[in-house]
């Protein structure tokens, strides 16, 4: 008899091995929190960048770089915040979030940027960062 009280009635299988009822499978699930970034448009024209989940009424900064990395902001209101971009990071622009925490920034993106530039946004109130997207 198994020393473990289990609700599994059938054996578990892993890589063709059979494990009895004393084996349990555990996993963790989680959801990412904080603002998220999406884009619409094409390189060589105007692209729209949309942030959802920002602090209502806060300023949102849009930054870009030539590569991925872990650049740490060295000054300003979010000093010490780590971005998902490398040290080539530059400020693309700033927009304000509405009462729902949504912010939009539109800018012309050169055709040569596609496949070579990464973009991320930063909530300047909470210093929360978004996902990084490739152009």
N, C-alpha and C. Protein backbone atom coordinates (compact mmCIF):
# COMPACT_ATOMS: atom_id res chain seq x y z
N UNK A 1 0.83 -1.17 0.00
CA UNK A 1 0.00 0.00 0.00
C UNK A 1 0.88 1.24 0.00
N UNK A 2 0.47 2.23 -0.77
CA UNK A 2 1.24 3.46 -0.91
C UNK A 2 1.20 4.28 0.38
N UNK A 3 2.35 4.84 0.78
CA UNK A 3 2.36 5.69 1.97
C UNK A 3 1.75 7.07 1.71
N UNK A 4 1.45 7.36 0.46
CA UNK A 4 0.94 8.68 0.10
C UNK A 4 -0.55 8.58 -0.19
N UNK A 5 -1.34 9.44 0.41
CA UNK A 5 -2.76 9.50 0.10
C UNK A 5 -2.91 10.27 -1.21
N UNK A 6 -3.38 9.61 -2.23
CA UNK A 6 -3.44 10.24 -3.55
C UNK A 6 -4.82 10.06 -4.18
N UNK A 7 -5.16 10.98 -5.04
CA UNK A 7 -6.40 10.88 -5.78
C UNK A 7 -6.20 10.26 -7.16
N UNK A 8 -4.93 9.98 -7.52
CA UNK A 8 -4.64 9.38 -8.81
C UNK A 8 -4.98 7.89 -8.74
N UNK A 9 -5.84 7.43 -9.62
CA UNK A 9 -6.20 6.01 -9.60
C UNK A 9 -5.41 5.21 -10.62
N UNK A 10 -4.90 5.88 -11.65
CA UNK A 10 -4.13 5.19 -12.68
C UNK A 10 -2.66 5.55 -12.55
N UNK A 11 -1.78 4.68 -13.01
CA UNK A 11 -0.36 5.01 -12.95
C UNK A 11 -0.03 6.22 -13.84
N UNK A 12 1.03 6.92 -13.49
CA UNK A 12 1.51 8.04 -14.29
C UNK A 12 2.61 7.54 -15.22
N UNK A 13 2.70 8.07 -16.40
CA UNK A 13 3.69 7.65 -17.38
C UNK A 13 4.60 8.83 -17.71
N UNK A 14 5.90 8.57 -17.76
CA UNK A 14 6.88 9.57 -18.17
C UNK A 14 7.98 8.86 -18.93
N UNK A 15 8.15 9.22 -20.18
CA UNK A 15 9.20 8.62 -21.03
C UNK A 15 9.15 7.09 -20.98
N UNK A 16 7.99 6.55 -21.14
CA UNK A 16 7.74 5.11 -21.17
C UNK A 16 7.94 4.41 -19.83
N UNK A 17 8.18 5.15 -18.77
CA UNK A 17 8.29 4.58 -17.43
C UNK A 17 6.95 4.72 -16.72
N UNK A 18 6.63 3.73 -15.93
CA UNK A 18 5.38 3.76 -15.17
C UNK A 18 5.70 4.12 -13.73
N UNK A 19 4.98 5.08 -13.19
CA UNK A 19 5.15 5.51 -11.81
C UNK A 19 3.85 5.22 -11.07
N UNK A 20 3.97 4.60 -9.91
CA UNK A 20 2.81 4.22 -9.12
C UNK A 20 2.14 5.43 -8.47
N UNK A 21 1.10 5.16 -7.67
CA UNK A 21 0.30 6.24 -7.09
C UNK A 21 1.06 7.08 -6.06
N UNK A 22 2.25 6.64 -5.61
CA UNK A 22 2.99 7.46 -4.66
C UNK A 22 3.67 8.65 -5.35
N UNK A 23 3.65 8.68 -6.68
CA UNK A 23 4.22 9.78 -7.44
C UNK A 23 3.13 10.78 -7.78
N UNK A 24 3.43 12.04 -7.61
CA UNK A 24 2.48 13.10 -7.96
C UNK A 24 3.16 14.09 -8.90
N UNK A 25 2.38 14.71 -9.70
CA UNK A 25 2.89 15.75 -10.59
C UNK A 25 2.41 17.09 -10.06
N UNK A 26 3.31 18.00 -9.89
CA UNK A 26 2.95 19.34 -9.43
C UNK A 26 3.43 20.38 -10.42
N UNK A 27 2.71 21.44 -10.52
CA UNK A 27 3.14 22.53 -11.39
C UNK A 27 2.58 23.84 -10.85
N UNK A 28 3.22 24.90 -11.22
CA UNK A 28 2.80 26.23 -10.82
C UNK A 28 2.31 26.98 -12.05
N UNK A 29 1.25 27.72 -11.88
CA UNK A 29 0.81 28.60 -12.95
C UNK A 29 0.87 30.02 -12.43
N UNK A 30 1.08 30.94 -13.32
CA UNK A 30 1.12 32.34 -12.93
C UNK A 30 0.73 33.20 -14.12
N UNK A 31 0.38 34.41 -13.80
CA UNK A 31 0.06 35.38 -14.84
C UNK A 31 1.00 36.55 -14.68
N UNK A 32 1.46 37.05 -15.79
CA UNK A 32 2.31 38.22 -15.74
C UNK A 32 1.44 39.43 -15.41
N UNK A 33 1.95 40.27 -14.56
CA UNK A 33 1.20 41.47 -14.22
C UNK A 33 1.97 42.68 -14.72
N UNK A 34 1.33 43.79 -14.72
CA UNK A 34 1.97 45.01 -15.20
C UNK A 34 1.50 45.34 -16.60
N UNK A 35 2.04 46.41 -17.14
CA UNK A 35 1.59 46.87 -18.45
C UNK A 35 2.04 45.94 -19.57
N UNK A 36 1.30 45.97 -20.68
CA UNK A 36 1.68 45.18 -21.85
C UNK A 36 1.68 46.08 -23.08
N UNK A 37 2.52 45.74 -24.05
CA UNK A 37 2.73 46.54 -25.25
C UNK A 37 2.36 45.76 -26.49
N UNK A 38 1.63 46.40 -27.39
CA UNK A 38 1.34 45.85 -28.71
C UNK A 38 1.62 46.93 -29.75
N UNK A 39 1.73 46.51 -31.00
CA UNK A 39 1.95 47.49 -32.07
C UNK A 39 1.08 47.15 -33.27
N UNK A 40 0.84 48.17 -34.08
CA UNK A 40 0.08 48.00 -35.31
C UNK A 40 0.71 48.90 -36.36
N UNK A 41 0.74 48.43 -37.58
CA UNK A 41 1.33 49.20 -38.67
C UNK A 41 2.51 48.46 -39.26
N UNK A 42 3.18 49.12 -40.19
CA UNK A 42 4.33 48.51 -40.87
C UNK A 42 5.50 49.48 -40.89
N UNK A 43 6.68 48.92 -40.94
CA UNK A 43 7.87 49.76 -41.05
C UNK A 43 7.84 50.50 -42.38
N UNK A 44 8.37 51.69 -42.38
CA UNK A 44 8.33 52.54 -43.57
C UNK A 44 7.10 53.43 -43.57
N UNK A 45 6.32 53.37 -42.52
CA UNK A 45 5.09 54.17 -42.39
C UNK A 45 4.89 54.47 -40.91
N UNK A 46 3.72 55.02 -40.59
CA UNK A 46 3.41 55.31 -39.20
C UNK A 46 3.00 54.01 -38.49
N UNK A 47 3.61 53.79 -37.32
CA UNK A 47 3.24 52.64 -36.49
C UNK A 47 2.62 53.17 -35.21
N UNK A 48 1.64 52.44 -34.69
CA UNK A 48 0.99 52.78 -33.43
C UNK A 48 1.40 51.77 -32.38
N UNK A 49 1.82 52.28 -31.23
CA UNK A 49 2.20 51.45 -30.10
C UNK A 49 1.19 51.68 -29.00
N UNK A 50 0.63 50.58 -28.49
CA UNK A 50 -0.44 50.68 -27.49
C UNK A 50 -0.02 49.97 -26.22
N UNK A 51 -0.14 50.66 -25.10
CA UNK A 51 0.13 50.07 -23.78
C UNK A 51 -1.18 49.95 -23.03
N UNK A 52 -1.43 48.80 -22.45
CA UNK A 52 -2.57 48.62 -21.56
C UNK A 52 -2.04 48.18 -20.21
N UNK A 53 -2.76 48.54 -19.15
CA UNK A 53 -2.35 48.16 -17.82
C UNK A 53 -1.39 49.12 -17.13
N UNK A 54 -1.22 50.31 -17.70
CA UNK A 54 -0.37 51.32 -17.06
C UNK A 54 -1.14 51.97 -15.91
N UNK A 55 -0.43 52.71 -15.09
CA UNK A 55 -1.07 53.45 -14.01
C UNK A 55 -1.96 54.54 -14.62
N UNK A 56 -3.25 54.58 -14.30
CA UNK A 56 -4.12 55.61 -14.86
C UNK A 56 -3.56 57.02 -14.65
N UNK A 57 -3.50 57.80 -15.72
CA UNK A 57 -3.02 59.17 -15.67
C UNK A 57 -1.51 59.32 -15.68
N UNK A 58 -0.76 58.23 -15.73
CA UNK A 58 0.70 58.34 -15.68
C UNK A 58 1.29 58.57 -17.06
N UNK A 59 2.53 58.98 -17.09
CA UNK A 59 3.27 59.10 -18.34
C UNK A 59 3.87 57.73 -18.67
N UNK A 60 3.90 57.41 -19.95
CA UNK A 60 4.46 56.15 -20.42
C UNK A 60 5.56 56.47 -21.43
N UNK A 61 6.76 55.95 -21.19
CA UNK A 61 7.88 56.17 -22.09
C UNK A 61 8.03 54.96 -23.01
N UNK A 62 8.31 55.23 -24.28
CA UNK A 62 8.53 54.19 -25.28
C UNK A 62 10.00 54.23 -25.65
N UNK A 63 10.69 53.12 -25.43
CA UNK A 63 12.12 53.06 -25.70
C UNK A 63 12.40 51.97 -26.72
N UNK A 64 13.51 52.10 -27.42
CA UNK A 64 13.89 51.12 -28.43
C UNK A 64 15.39 50.91 -28.40
N UNK A 65 15.81 49.76 -28.94
CA UNK A 65 17.24 49.43 -28.99
C UNK A 65 17.49 48.46 -30.14
N UNK A 66 18.75 48.28 -30.45
CA UNK A 66 19.13 47.36 -31.53
C UNK A 66 19.20 45.91 -31.07
N UNK A 67 19.11 45.67 -29.76
CA UNK A 67 19.20 44.30 -29.29
C UNK A 67 18.54 44.10 -27.94
N UNK A 68 18.41 42.84 -27.58
CA UNK A 68 17.87 42.47 -26.27
C UNK A 68 19.00 42.48 -25.25
N UNK A 69 18.64 42.64 -23.99
CA UNK A 69 19.65 42.65 -22.95
C UNK A 69 19.03 42.88 -21.59
N UNK A 70 19.80 43.50 -20.71
CA UNK A 70 19.32 43.80 -19.37
C UNK A 70 19.87 45.15 -18.91
N UNK A 71 19.60 46.16 -19.69
CA UNK A 71 20.05 47.52 -19.40
C UNK A 71 19.35 48.05 -18.15
N UNK A 72 20.11 48.62 -17.22
CA UNK A 72 19.56 49.20 -16.00
C UNK A 72 19.55 50.71 -16.16
N UNK A 73 18.39 51.32 -15.96
CA UNK A 73 18.23 52.77 -16.09
C UNK A 73 19.08 53.46 -15.02
N UNK A 74 19.91 54.42 -15.45
CA UNK A 74 20.86 55.04 -14.55
C UNK A 74 20.45 56.39 -13.99
N UNK A 75 19.34 56.96 -14.48
CA UNK A 75 18.88 58.25 -13.94
C UNK A 75 17.40 58.43 -14.21
N UNK A 76 16.84 59.47 -13.66
CA UNK A 76 15.42 59.75 -13.87
C UNK A 76 14.54 59.10 -12.82
N UNK A 77 13.23 59.17 -13.03
CA UNK A 77 12.29 58.68 -12.01
C UNK A 77 12.32 57.17 -11.81
N UNK A 78 12.84 56.42 -12.76
CA UNK A 78 12.85 54.96 -12.66
C UNK A 78 14.27 54.41 -12.57
N UNK A 79 15.16 55.16 -11.91
CA UNK A 79 16.54 54.73 -11.74
C UNK A 79 16.57 53.34 -11.10
N UNK A 80 17.42 52.47 -11.65
CA UNK A 80 17.56 51.11 -11.14
C UNK A 80 16.63 50.09 -11.79
N UNK A 81 15.69 50.54 -12.61
CA UNK A 81 14.78 49.62 -13.29
C UNK A 81 15.51 48.92 -14.43
N UNK A 82 15.35 47.61 -14.53
CA UNK A 82 15.99 46.85 -15.60
C UNK A 82 15.05 46.70 -16.79
N UNK A 83 15.56 47.04 -17.95
CA UNK A 83 14.81 46.86 -19.20
C UNK A 83 15.22 45.55 -19.84
N UNK A 84 14.44 45.11 -20.80
CA UNK A 84 14.78 43.92 -21.56
C UNK A 84 15.57 44.24 -22.82
N UNK A 85 16.15 45.43 -22.87
CA UNK A 85 16.89 45.92 -24.03
C UNK A 85 18.37 46.05 -23.70
N UNK A 86 19.20 46.16 -24.72
CA UNK A 86 20.63 46.34 -24.48
C UNK A 86 20.98 47.82 -24.31
N UNK A 87 22.27 48.11 -24.20
CA UNK A 87 22.74 49.46 -23.89
C UNK A 87 22.59 50.46 -25.04
N UNK A 88 22.10 50.02 -26.20
CA UNK A 88 21.84 50.96 -27.31
C UNK A 88 20.49 51.65 -27.15
N UNK A 89 19.84 51.47 -26.01
CA UNK A 89 18.48 51.97 -25.77
C UNK A 89 18.40 53.49 -25.96
N UNK A 90 17.32 53.91 -26.59
CA UNK A 90 17.03 55.33 -26.81
C UNK A 90 15.55 55.59 -26.55
N UNK A 91 15.24 56.81 -26.16
CA UNK A 91 13.85 57.21 -25.93
C UNK A 91 13.20 57.52 -27.27
N UNK A 92 12.08 56.88 -27.54
CA UNK A 92 11.34 57.14 -28.77
C UNK A 92 10.27 58.20 -28.58
N UNK A 93 9.69 58.26 -27.40
CA UNK A 93 8.65 59.24 -27.12
C UNK A 93 7.94 58.93 -25.82
N UNK A 94 7.07 59.85 -25.43
CA UNK A 94 6.30 59.71 -24.19
C UNK A 94 4.84 60.06 -24.49
N UNK A 95 3.93 59.30 -23.92
CA UNK A 95 2.51 59.62 -24.03
C UNK A 95 1.86 59.43 -22.66
N UNK A 96 0.66 59.90 -22.51
CA UNK A 96 -0.05 59.79 -21.23
C UNK A 96 -1.08 58.68 -21.25
N UNK A 97 -1.20 57.99 -20.13
CA UNK A 97 -2.22 56.95 -19.99
C UNK A 97 -3.54 57.60 -19.60
N UNK A 98 -4.63 57.08 -20.12
CA UNK A 98 -5.96 57.60 -19.77
C UNK A 98 -6.42 57.00 -18.44
N UNK A 99 -7.65 57.27 -18.07
CA UNK A 99 -8.19 56.81 -16.79
C UNK A 99 -8.29 55.29 -16.70
N UNK A 100 -8.25 54.61 -17.84
CA UNK A 100 -8.29 53.15 -17.87
C UNK A 100 -6.90 52.53 -17.89
N UNK A 101 -5.85 53.35 -17.94
CA UNK A 101 -4.48 52.84 -17.99
C UNK A 101 -4.01 52.48 -19.38
N UNK A 102 -4.71 53.00 -20.41
CA UNK A 102 -4.31 52.76 -21.80
C UNK A 102 -3.57 53.98 -22.33
N UNK A 103 -2.49 53.72 -23.07
CA UNK A 103 -1.71 54.80 -23.68
C UNK A 103 -1.35 54.41 -25.10
N UNK A 104 -1.30 55.39 -26.00
CA UNK A 104 -0.96 55.14 -27.39
C UNK A 104 0.08 56.15 -27.84
N UNK A 105 1.03 55.67 -28.62
CA UNK A 105 2.07 56.52 -29.19
C UNK A 105 2.19 56.17 -30.67
N UNK A 106 2.16 57.15 -31.52
CA UNK A 106 2.27 56.94 -32.97
C UNK A 106 3.50 57.66 -33.48
N UNK A 107 4.25 57.00 -34.33
CA UNK A 107 5.45 57.60 -34.91
C UNK A 107 5.80 56.93 -36.22
N UNK A 108 6.50 57.66 -37.08
CA UNK A 108 6.99 57.08 -38.32
C UNK A 108 8.18 56.19 -37.99
N UNK A 109 8.17 54.97 -38.49
CA UNK A 109 9.26 54.02 -38.26
C UNK A 109 9.93 53.75 -39.61
N UNK A 110 11.23 53.98 -39.72
CA UNK A 110 11.91 53.74 -40.99
C UNK A 110 11.80 52.29 -41.44
N UNK A 111 11.81 52.10 -42.75
CA UNK A 111 11.68 50.75 -43.31
C UNK A 111 12.80 49.83 -42.84
N UNK A 112 13.99 50.35 -42.66
CA UNK A 112 15.13 49.54 -42.25
C UNK A 112 15.08 49.07 -40.80
N UNK A 113 14.10 49.54 -40.03
CA UNK A 113 14.01 49.15 -38.62
C UNK A 113 13.44 47.75 -38.43
N UNK A 114 12.63 47.30 -39.37
CA UNK A 114 12.00 45.99 -39.21
C UNK A 114 13.05 44.88 -39.16
N UNK A 115 12.89 44.01 -38.19
CA UNK A 115 13.81 42.90 -38.00
C UNK A 115 15.11 43.30 -37.33
N UNK A 116 15.26 44.58 -36.99
CA UNK A 116 16.53 45.04 -36.41
C UNK A 116 16.35 45.83 -35.12
N UNK A 117 15.11 46.20 -34.79
CA UNK A 117 14.85 47.05 -33.62
C UNK A 117 13.86 46.37 -32.68
N UNK A 118 14.09 46.55 -31.38
CA UNK A 118 13.23 46.03 -30.32
C UNK A 118 12.64 47.21 -29.56
N UNK A 119 11.40 47.10 -29.12
CA UNK A 119 10.69 48.20 -28.45
C UNK A 119 10.13 47.70 -27.12
N UNK A 120 10.16 48.59 -26.13
CA UNK A 120 9.59 48.31 -24.81
C UNK A 120 9.02 49.62 -24.27
N UNK A 121 8.02 49.54 -23.41
CA UNK A 121 7.46 50.73 -22.78
C UNK A 121 7.67 50.65 -21.28
N UNK A 122 7.64 51.82 -20.66
CA UNK A 122 7.91 51.95 -19.23
C UNK A 122 6.90 52.90 -18.62
N UNK A 123 6.16 52.41 -17.62
CA UNK A 123 5.22 53.24 -16.86
C UNK A 123 6.06 54.10 -15.92
N UNK A 124 6.07 55.41 -16.12
CA UNK A 124 6.94 56.29 -15.35
C UNK A 124 6.43 56.56 -13.94
N UNK A 125 5.23 56.09 -13.62
CA UNK A 125 4.70 56.24 -12.27
C UNK A 125 5.08 55.03 -11.40
N UNK A 126 4.83 53.84 -11.90
CA UNK A 126 5.12 52.61 -11.14
C UNK A 126 6.48 52.02 -11.49
N UNK A 127 7.09 52.49 -12.58
CA UNK A 127 8.34 51.97 -13.13
C UNK A 127 8.17 50.53 -13.63
N UNK A 128 6.94 50.13 -13.88
CA UNK A 128 6.67 48.81 -14.45
C UNK A 128 7.03 48.80 -15.92
N UNK A 129 7.62 47.72 -16.37
CA UNK A 129 8.00 47.59 -17.76
C UNK A 129 7.05 46.64 -18.48
N UNK A 130 6.93 46.85 -19.77
CA UNK A 130 6.11 45.97 -20.61
C UNK A 130 6.96 44.84 -21.16
N UNK A 131 6.31 43.99 -21.88
CA UNK A 131 7.00 42.99 -22.70
C UNK A 131 7.81 43.74 -23.76
N UNK A 132 8.78 43.06 -24.33
CA UNK A 132 9.58 43.60 -25.42
C UNK A 132 9.04 43.04 -26.71
N UNK A 133 8.88 43.90 -27.73
CA UNK A 133 8.40 43.43 -29.03
C UNK A 133 9.44 43.76 -30.11
N UNK A 134 9.49 42.94 -31.12
CA UNK A 134 10.36 43.17 -32.27
C UNK A 134 9.57 43.88 -33.35
N UNK A 135 10.22 44.79 -34.03
CA UNK A 135 9.56 45.44 -35.16
C UNK A 135 9.67 44.56 -36.39
